[in-house]
PDB file of all heavy atoms in Angstrom:
ATOM      1  N   TRP A   1      -0.725  18.122 -18.251  1.00  0.00           N
ATOM      2  CA  TRP A   1      -0.868  17.194 -17.141  1.00  0.00           C
ATOM      3  C   TRP A   1      -0.192  15.883 -17.521  1.00  0.00           C
ATOM      4  O   TRP A   1      -0.366  15.384 -18.631  1.00  0.00           O
ATOM      5  CB  TRP A   1      -2.348  16.954 -16.837  1.00  0.00           C
ATOM      6  CG  TRP A   1      -3.047  18.179 -16.314  1.00  0.00           C
ATOM      7  CD1 TRP A   1      -3.255  19.352 -16.977  1.00  0.00           C
ATOM      8  CD2 TRP A   1      -3.611  18.346 -15.017  1.00  0.00           C
ATOM      9  NE1 TRP A   1      -3.924  20.253 -16.176  1.00  0.00           N
ATOM     10  CE2 TRP A   1      -4.150  19.660 -14.961  1.00  0.00           C
ATOM     11  CE3 TRP A   1      -3.723  17.529 -13.900  1.00  0.00           C
ATOM     12  CZ2 TRP A   1      -4.783  20.161 -13.833  1.00  0.00           C
ATOM     13  CZ3 TRP A   1      -4.362  18.018 -12.766  1.00  0.00           C
ATOM     14  CH2 TRP A   1      -4.882  19.318 -12.737  1.00  0.00           C
ATOM     15  N   CYS A   2       0.596  15.327 -16.593  1.00  0.00           N
ATOM     16  CA  CYS A   2       1.346  14.100 -16.870  1.00  0.00           C
ATOM     17  C   CYS A   2       1.078  13.048 -15.798  1.00  0.00           C
ATOM     18  O   CYS A   2       0.659  13.361 -14.682  1.00  0.00           O
ATOM     19  CB  CYS A   2       2.846  14.388 -16.938  1.00  0.00           C
ATOM     20  SG  CYS A   2       3.334  15.534 -18.257  1.00  0.00           S
ATOM     21  N   TRP A   3       1.369  11.804 -16.133  1.00  0.00           N
ATOM     22  CA  TRP A   3       1.221  10.697 -15.192  1.00  0.00           C
ATOM     23  C   TRP A   3       2.228   9.616 -15.555  1.00  0.00           C
ATOM     24  O   TRP A   3       2.812   9.607 -16.626  1.00  0.00           O
ATOM     25  CB  TRP A   3      -0.198  10.139 -15.220  1.00  0.00           C
ATOM     26  CG  TRP A   3      -0.665   9.630 -16.557  1.00  0.00           C
ATOM     27  CD1 TRP A   3      -0.631   8.344 -17.017  1.00  0.00           C
ATOM     28  CD2 TRP A   3      -1.261  10.408 -17.619  1.00  0.00           C
ATOM     29  NE1 TRP A   3      -1.152   8.264 -18.282  1.00  0.00           N
ATOM     30  CE2 TRP A   3      -1.548   9.503 -18.676  1.00  0.00           C
ATOM     31  CE3 TRP A   3      -1.580  11.752 -17.768  1.00  0.00           C
ATOM     32  CZ2 TRP A   3      -2.143   9.936 -19.869  1.00  0.00           C
ATOM     33  CZ3 TRP A   3      -2.153  12.177 -18.961  1.00  0.00           C
ATOM     34  CH2 TRP A   3      -2.433  11.267 -19.985  1.00  0.00           C
ATOM     35  N   GLY A   4       2.476   8.716 -14.614  1.00  0.00           N
ATOM     36  CA  GLY A   4       3.389   7.608 -14.849  1.00  0.00           C
ATOM     37  C   GLY A   4       4.342   7.382 -13.701  1.00  0.00           C
ATOM     38  O   GLY A   4       4.057   7.726 -12.543  1.00  0.00           O
ATOM     39  N   LYS A   5       5.495   6.803 -14.022  1.00  0.00           N
ATOM     40  CA  LYS A   5       6.491   6.433 -13.023  1.00  0.00           C
ATOM     41  C   LYS A   5       7.681   7.387 -13.137  1.00  0.00           C
ATOM     42  O   LYS A   5       8.392   7.405 -14.143  1.00  0.00           O
ATOM     43  CB  LYS A   5       6.944   4.992 -13.256  1.00  0.00           C
ATOM     44  CG  LYS A   5       7.987   4.483 -12.274  1.00  0.00           C
ATOM     45  CD  LYS A   5       8.426   3.087 -12.684  1.00  0.00           C
ATOM     46  CE  LYS A   5       9.499   2.554 -11.751  1.00  0.00           C
ATOM     47  NZ  LYS A   5      10.012   1.239 -12.184  1.00  0.00           N
ATOM     48  N   ASN A   6       7.917   8.153 -12.097  1.00  0.00           N
ATOM     49  CA  ASN A   6       8.963   9.172 -12.147  1.00  0.00           C
ATOM     50  C   ASN A   6      10.265   8.626 -11.561  1.00  0.00           C
ATOM     51  O   ASN A   6      10.768   9.104 -10.549  1.00  0.00           O
ATOM     52  CB  ASN A   6       8.511  10.435 -11.398  1.00  0.00           C
ATOM     53  CG  ASN A   6       9.451  11.596 -11.624  1.00  0.00           C
ATOM     54  OD1 ASN A   6      10.222  11.605 -12.577  1.00  0.00           O
ATOM     55  ND2 ASN A   6       9.394  12.571 -10.748  1.00  0.00           N
ATOM     56  N   ASP A   7      10.848   7.653 -12.233  1.00  0.00           N
ATOM     57  CA  ASP A   7      12.092   7.052 -11.768  1.00  0.00           C
ATOM     58  C   ASP A   7      13.237   8.051 -11.667  1.00  0.00           C
ATOM     59  O   ASP A   7      14.105   7.937 -10.813  1.00  0.00           O
ATOM     60  CB  ASP A   7      12.520   5.940 -12.735  1.00  0.00           C
ATOM     61  CG  ASP A   7      11.888   4.608 -12.379  1.00  0.00           C
ATOM     62  OD1 ASP A   7      11.184   4.554 -11.357  1.00  0.00           O
ATOM     63  OD2 ASP A   7      12.081   3.642 -13.121  1.00  0.00           O
ATOM     64  N   PHE A   8      13.250   9.014 -12.566  1.00  0.00           N
ATOM     65  CA  PHE A   8      14.414   9.874 -12.695  1.00  0.00           C
ATOM     66  C   PHE A   8      14.291  11.160 -11.883  1.00  0.00           C
ATOM     67  O   PHE A   8      15.156  12.024 -11.944  1.00  0.00           O
ATOM     68  CB  PHE A   8      14.641  10.194 -14.177  1.00  0.00           C
ATOM     69  CG  PHE A   8      14.794   8.951 -15.003  1.00  0.00           C
ATOM     70  CD1 PHE A   8      13.760   8.499 -15.811  1.00  0.00           C
ATOM     71  CD2 PHE A   8      15.962   8.215 -14.953  1.00  0.00           C
ATOM     72  CE1 PHE A   8      13.900   7.350 -16.556  1.00  0.00           C
ATOM     73  CE2 PHE A   8      16.105   7.056 -15.702  1.00  0.00           C
ATOM     74  CZ  PHE A   8      15.070   6.622 -16.500  1.00  0.00           C
ATOM     75  N   TYR A   9      13.216  11.291 -11.102  1.00  0.00           N
ATOM     76  CA  TYR A   9      13.036  12.421 -10.197  1.00  0.00           C
ATOM     77  C   TYR A   9      13.214  13.753 -10.922  1.00  0.00           C
ATOM     78  O   TYR A   9      13.817  14.692 -10.401  1.00  0.00           O
ATOM     79  CB  TYR A   9      14.003  12.319  -9.008  1.00  0.00           C
ATOM     80  CG  TYR A   9      13.870  11.015  -8.276  1.00  0.00           C
ATOM     81  CD1 TYR A   9      14.833  10.027  -8.388  1.00  0.00           C
ATOM     82  CD2 TYR A   9      12.742  10.749  -7.506  1.00  0.00           C
ATOM     83  CE1 TYR A   9      14.692   8.808  -7.743  1.00  0.00           C
ATOM     84  CE2 TYR A   9      12.581   9.537  -6.859  1.00  0.00           C
ATOM     85  CZ  TYR A   9      13.560   8.573  -6.973  1.00  0.00           C
ATOM     86  OH  TYR A   9      13.400   7.366  -6.347  1.00  0.00           O
ATOM     87  N   SER A  10      12.692  13.819 -12.120  1.00  0.00           N
ATOM     88  CA  SER A  10      12.809  15.033 -12.902  1.00  0.00           C
ATOM     89  C   SER A  10      11.487  15.768 -13.052  1.00  0.00           C
ATOM     90  O   SER A  10      11.431  16.819 -13.660  1.00  0.00           O
ATOM     91  CB  SER A  10      13.355  14.703 -14.290  1.00  0.00           C
ATOM     92  OG  SER A  10      12.509  13.766 -14.937  1.00  0.00           O
ATOM     93  N   LEU A  11      10.433  15.198 -12.491  1.00  0.00           N
ATOM     94  CA  LEU A  11       9.122  15.835 -12.531  1.00  0.00           C
ATOM     95  C   LEU A  11       8.639  16.046 -11.099  1.00  0.00           C
ATOM     96  O   LEU A  11       9.145  15.428 -10.167  1.00  0.00           O
ATOM     97  CB  LEU A  11       8.141  14.968 -13.325  1.00  0.00           C
ATOM     98  CG  LEU A  11       8.454  14.898 -14.831  1.00  0.00           C
ATOM     99  CD1 LEU A  11       7.645  13.814 -15.497  1.00  0.00           C
ATOM    100  CD2 LEU A  11       8.199  16.238 -15.502  1.00  0.00           C
ATOM    101  N   PRO A  12       7.662  16.924 -10.915  1.00  0.00           N
ATOM    102  CA  PRO A  12       7.293  17.330  -9.546  1.00  0.00           C
ATOM    103  C   PRO A  12       6.459  16.310  -8.783  1.00  0.00           C
ATOM    104  O   PRO A  12       5.437  16.635  -8.212  1.00  0.00           O
ATOM    105  CB  PRO A  12       6.516  18.627  -9.786  1.00  0.00           C
ATOM    106  CG  PRO A  12       5.944  18.477 -11.143  1.00  0.00           C
ATOM    107  CD  PRO A  12       6.970  17.717 -11.933  1.00  0.00           C
ATOM    108  N   TRP A  13       6.884  15.037  -8.785  1.00  0.00           N
ATOM    109  CA  TRP A  13       6.318  14.037  -7.907  1.00  0.00           C
ATOM    110  C   TRP A  13       7.328  12.907  -7.767  1.00  0.00           C
ATOM    111  O   TRP A  13       8.307  12.840  -8.493  1.00  0.00           O
ATOM    112  CB  TRP A  13       4.968  13.518  -8.414  1.00  0.00           C
ATOM    113  CG  TRP A  13       5.026  12.607  -9.602  1.00  0.00           C
ATOM    114  CD1 TRP A  13       5.341  11.282  -9.625  1.00  0.00           C
ATOM    115  CD2 TRP A  13       4.751  12.951 -10.968  1.00  0.00           C
ATOM    116  NE1 TRP A  13       5.274  10.777 -10.910  1.00  0.00           N
ATOM    117  CE2 TRP A  13       4.915  11.782 -11.747  1.00  0.00           C
ATOM    118  CE3 TRP A  13       4.349  14.132 -11.594  1.00  0.00           C
ATOM    119  CZ2 TRP A  13       4.705  11.764 -13.116  1.00  0.00           C
ATOM    120  CZ3 TRP A  13       4.154  14.114 -12.964  1.00  0.00           C
ATOM    121  CH2 TRP A  13       4.325  12.941 -13.712  1.00  0.00           C
ATOM    122  N   ARG A  14       7.087  12.012  -6.849  1.00  0.00           N
ATOM    123  CA  ARG A  14       7.967  10.869  -6.637  1.00  0.00           C
ATOM    124  C   ARG A  14       7.171   9.589  -6.810  1.00  0.00           C
ATOM    125  O   ARG A  14       6.024   9.504  -6.371  1.00  0.00           O
ATOM    126  CB  ARG A  14       8.592  10.911  -5.230  1.00  0.00           C
ATOM    127  CG  ARG A  14       9.499  12.114  -5.003  1.00  0.00           C
ATOM    128  CD  ARG A  14      10.776  12.018  -5.829  1.00  0.00           C
ATOM    129  NE  ARG A  14      11.664  13.135  -5.583  1.00  0.00           N
ATOM    130  CZ  ARG A  14      11.715  14.235  -6.329  1.00  0.00           C
ATOM    131  NH1 ARG A  14      10.902  14.363  -7.347  1.00  0.00           N
ATOM    132  NH2 ARG A  14      12.574  15.203  -6.048  1.00  0.00           N
ATOM    133  N   GLY A  15       7.790   8.589  -7.432  1.00  0.00           N
ATOM    134  CA  GLY A  15       7.140   7.301  -7.584  1.00  0.00           C
ATOM    135  C   GLY A  15       6.046   7.313  -8.631  1.00  0.00           C
ATOM    136  O   GLY A  15       6.203   7.844  -9.718  1.00  0.00           O
ATOM    137  N   ILE A  16       4.882   6.733  -8.293  1.00  0.00           N
ATOM    138  CA  ILE A  16       3.765   6.588  -9.217  1.00  0.00           C
ATOM    139  C   ILE A  16       2.764   7.703  -8.987  1.00  0.00           C
ATOM    140  O   ILE A  16       2.419   8.036  -7.848  1.00  0.00           O
ATOM    141  CB  ILE A  16       3.073   5.226  -9.032  1.00  0.00           C
ATOM    142  CG1 ILE A  16       4.091   4.100  -9.199  1.00  0.00           C
ATOM    143  CG2 ILE A  16       1.931   5.070 -10.027  1.00  0.00           C
ATOM    144  CD1 ILE A  16       4.788   4.078 -10.533  1.00  0.00           C
ATOM    145  N   ARG A  17       2.264   8.261 -10.059  1.00  0.00           N
ATOM    146  CA  ARG A  17       1.313   9.354  -9.921  1.00  0.00           C
ATOM    147  C   ARG A  17       0.293   9.287 -11.045  1.00  0.00           C
ATOM    148  O   ARG A  17       0.611   8.970 -12.189  1.00  0.00           O
ATOM    149  CB  ARG A  17       2.044  10.701  -9.984  1.00  0.00           C
ATOM    150  CG  ARG A  17       1.152  11.925  -9.769  1.00  0.00           C
ATOM    151  CD  ARG A  17       0.772  12.077  -8.317  1.00  0.00           C
ATOM    152  NE  ARG A  17      -0.169  13.154  -8.093  1.00  0.00           N
ATOM    153  CZ  ARG A  17       0.087  14.248  -7.366  1.00  0.00           C
ATOM    154  NH1 ARG A  17       1.264  14.410  -6.797  1.00  0.00           N
ATOM    155  NH2 ARG A  17      -0.830  15.167  -7.184  1.00  0.00           N
ATOM    156  N   GLY A  18      -0.963   9.589 -10.709  1.00  0.00           N
ATOM    157  CA  GLY A  18      -1.987   9.783 -11.717  1.00  0.00           C
ATOM    158  C   GLY A  18      -1.829  11.165 -12.320  1.00  0.00           C
ATOM    159  O   GLY A  18      -0.865  11.880 -12.054  1.00  0.00           O
ATOM    160  N   PRO A  19      -2.779  11.630 -13.128  1.00  0.00           N
ATOM    161  CA  PRO A  19      -2.640  12.924 -13.789  1.00  0.00           C
ATOM    162  C   PRO A  19      -2.333  14.051 -12.807  1.00  0.00           C
ATOM    163  O   PRO A  19      -3.009  14.205 -11.786  1.00  0.00           O
ATOM    164  CB  PRO A  19      -3.997  13.117 -14.456  1.00  0.00           C
ATOM    165  CG  PRO A  19      -4.491  11.731 -14.721  1.00  0.00           C
ATOM    166  CD  PRO A  19      -4.005  10.931 -13.531  1.00  0.00           C
ATOM    167  N   HIS A  20      -1.284  14.822 -13.132  1.00  0.00           N
ATOM    168  CA  HIS A  20      -0.801  15.882 -12.257  1.00  0.00           C
ATOM    169  C   HIS A  20      -0.361  17.042 -13.142  1.00  0.00           C
ATOM    170  O   HIS A  20       0.303  16.839 -14.159  1.00  0.00           O
ATOM    171  CB  HIS A  20       0.385  15.374 -11.424  1.00  0.00           C
ATOM    172  CG  HIS A  20       0.993  16.393 -10.514  1.00  0.00           C
ATOM    173  ND1 HIS A  20       0.458  16.694  -9.277  1.00  0.00           N
ATOM    174  CD2 HIS A  20       2.089  17.179 -10.648  1.00  0.00           C
ATOM    175  CE1 HIS A  20       1.196  17.618  -8.698  1.00  0.00           C
ATOM    176  NE2 HIS A  20       2.190  17.926  -9.498  1.00  0.00           N
ATOM    177  N   GLU A  21      -0.726  18.257 -12.767  1.00  0.00           N
ATOM    178  CA  GLU A  21      -0.348  19.410 -13.576  1.00  0.00           C
ATOM    179  C   GLU A  21       1.162  19.633 -13.481  1.00  0.00           C
ATOM    180  O   GLU A  21       1.724  19.829 -12.420  1.00  0.00           O
ATOM    181  CB  GLU A  21      -1.084  20.666 -13.102  1.00  0.00           C
ATOM    182  CG  GLU A  21      -0.817  21.867 -14.016  1.00  0.00           C
ATOM    183  CD  GLU A  21      -1.559  23.122 -13.579  1.00  0.00           C
ATOM    184  OE1 GLU A  21      -1.160  23.684 -12.527  1.00  0.00           O
ATOM    185  OE2 GLU A  21      -2.526  23.500 -14.255  1.00  0.00           O
ATOM    186  N   VAL A  22       1.822  19.620 -14.636  1.00  0.00           N
ATOM    187  CA  VAL A  22       3.261  19.800 -14.727  1.00  0.00           C
ATOM    188  C   VAL A  22       3.610  21.196 -15.270  1.00  0.00           C
ATOM    189  O   VAL A  22       4.556  21.825 -14.827  1.00  0.00           O
ATOM    190  CB  VAL A  22       3.885  18.702 -15.606  1.00  0.00           C
ATOM    191  CG1 VAL A  22       5.355  18.973 -15.882  1.00  0.00           C
ATOM    192  CG2 VAL A  22       3.727  17.340 -14.932  1.00  0.00           C
ATOM    193  N   ILE A  23       2.823  21.644 -16.237  1.00  0.00           N
ATOM    194  CA  ILE A  23       3.028  22.984 -16.817  1.00  0.00           C
ATOM    195  C   ILE A  23       1.702  23.728 -16.727  1.00  0.00           C
ATOM    196  O   ILE A  23       0.707  23.314 -17.331  1.00  0.00           O
ATOM    197  CB  ILE A  23       3.495  22.912 -18.273  1.00  0.00           C
ATOM    198  CG1 ILE A  23       4.799  22.104 -18.363  1.00  0.00           C
ATOM    199  CG2 ILE A  23       3.703  24.316 -18.836  1.00  0.00           C
ATOM    200  CD1 ILE A  23       5.322  21.932 -19.776  1.00  0.00           C
ATOM    201  N   PRO A  24       1.626  24.804 -15.966  1.00  0.00           N
ATOM    202  CA  PRO A  24       0.365  25.531 -15.807  1.00  0.00           C
ATOM    203  C   PRO A  24      -0.010  26.287 -17.073  1.00  0.00           C
ATOM    204  O   PRO A  24       0.811  26.433 -17.990  1.00  0.00           O
ATOM    205  CB  PRO A  24       0.660  26.491 -14.652  1.00  0.00           C
ATOM    206  CG  PRO A  24       2.139  26.705 -14.707  1.00  0.00           C
ATOM    207  CD  PRO A  24       2.726  25.404 -15.167  1.00  0.00           C
TER     208      PRO A  24
END
C-alpha cells in the first residue's frame, strides 16, 4: 500500500492519495 503525491502519473491514482493498494 502506498501514499503520497503522484506527480509522475506512474501509480494508479492522480494527485494526492492516502494509503492505496498498489500491489495485491
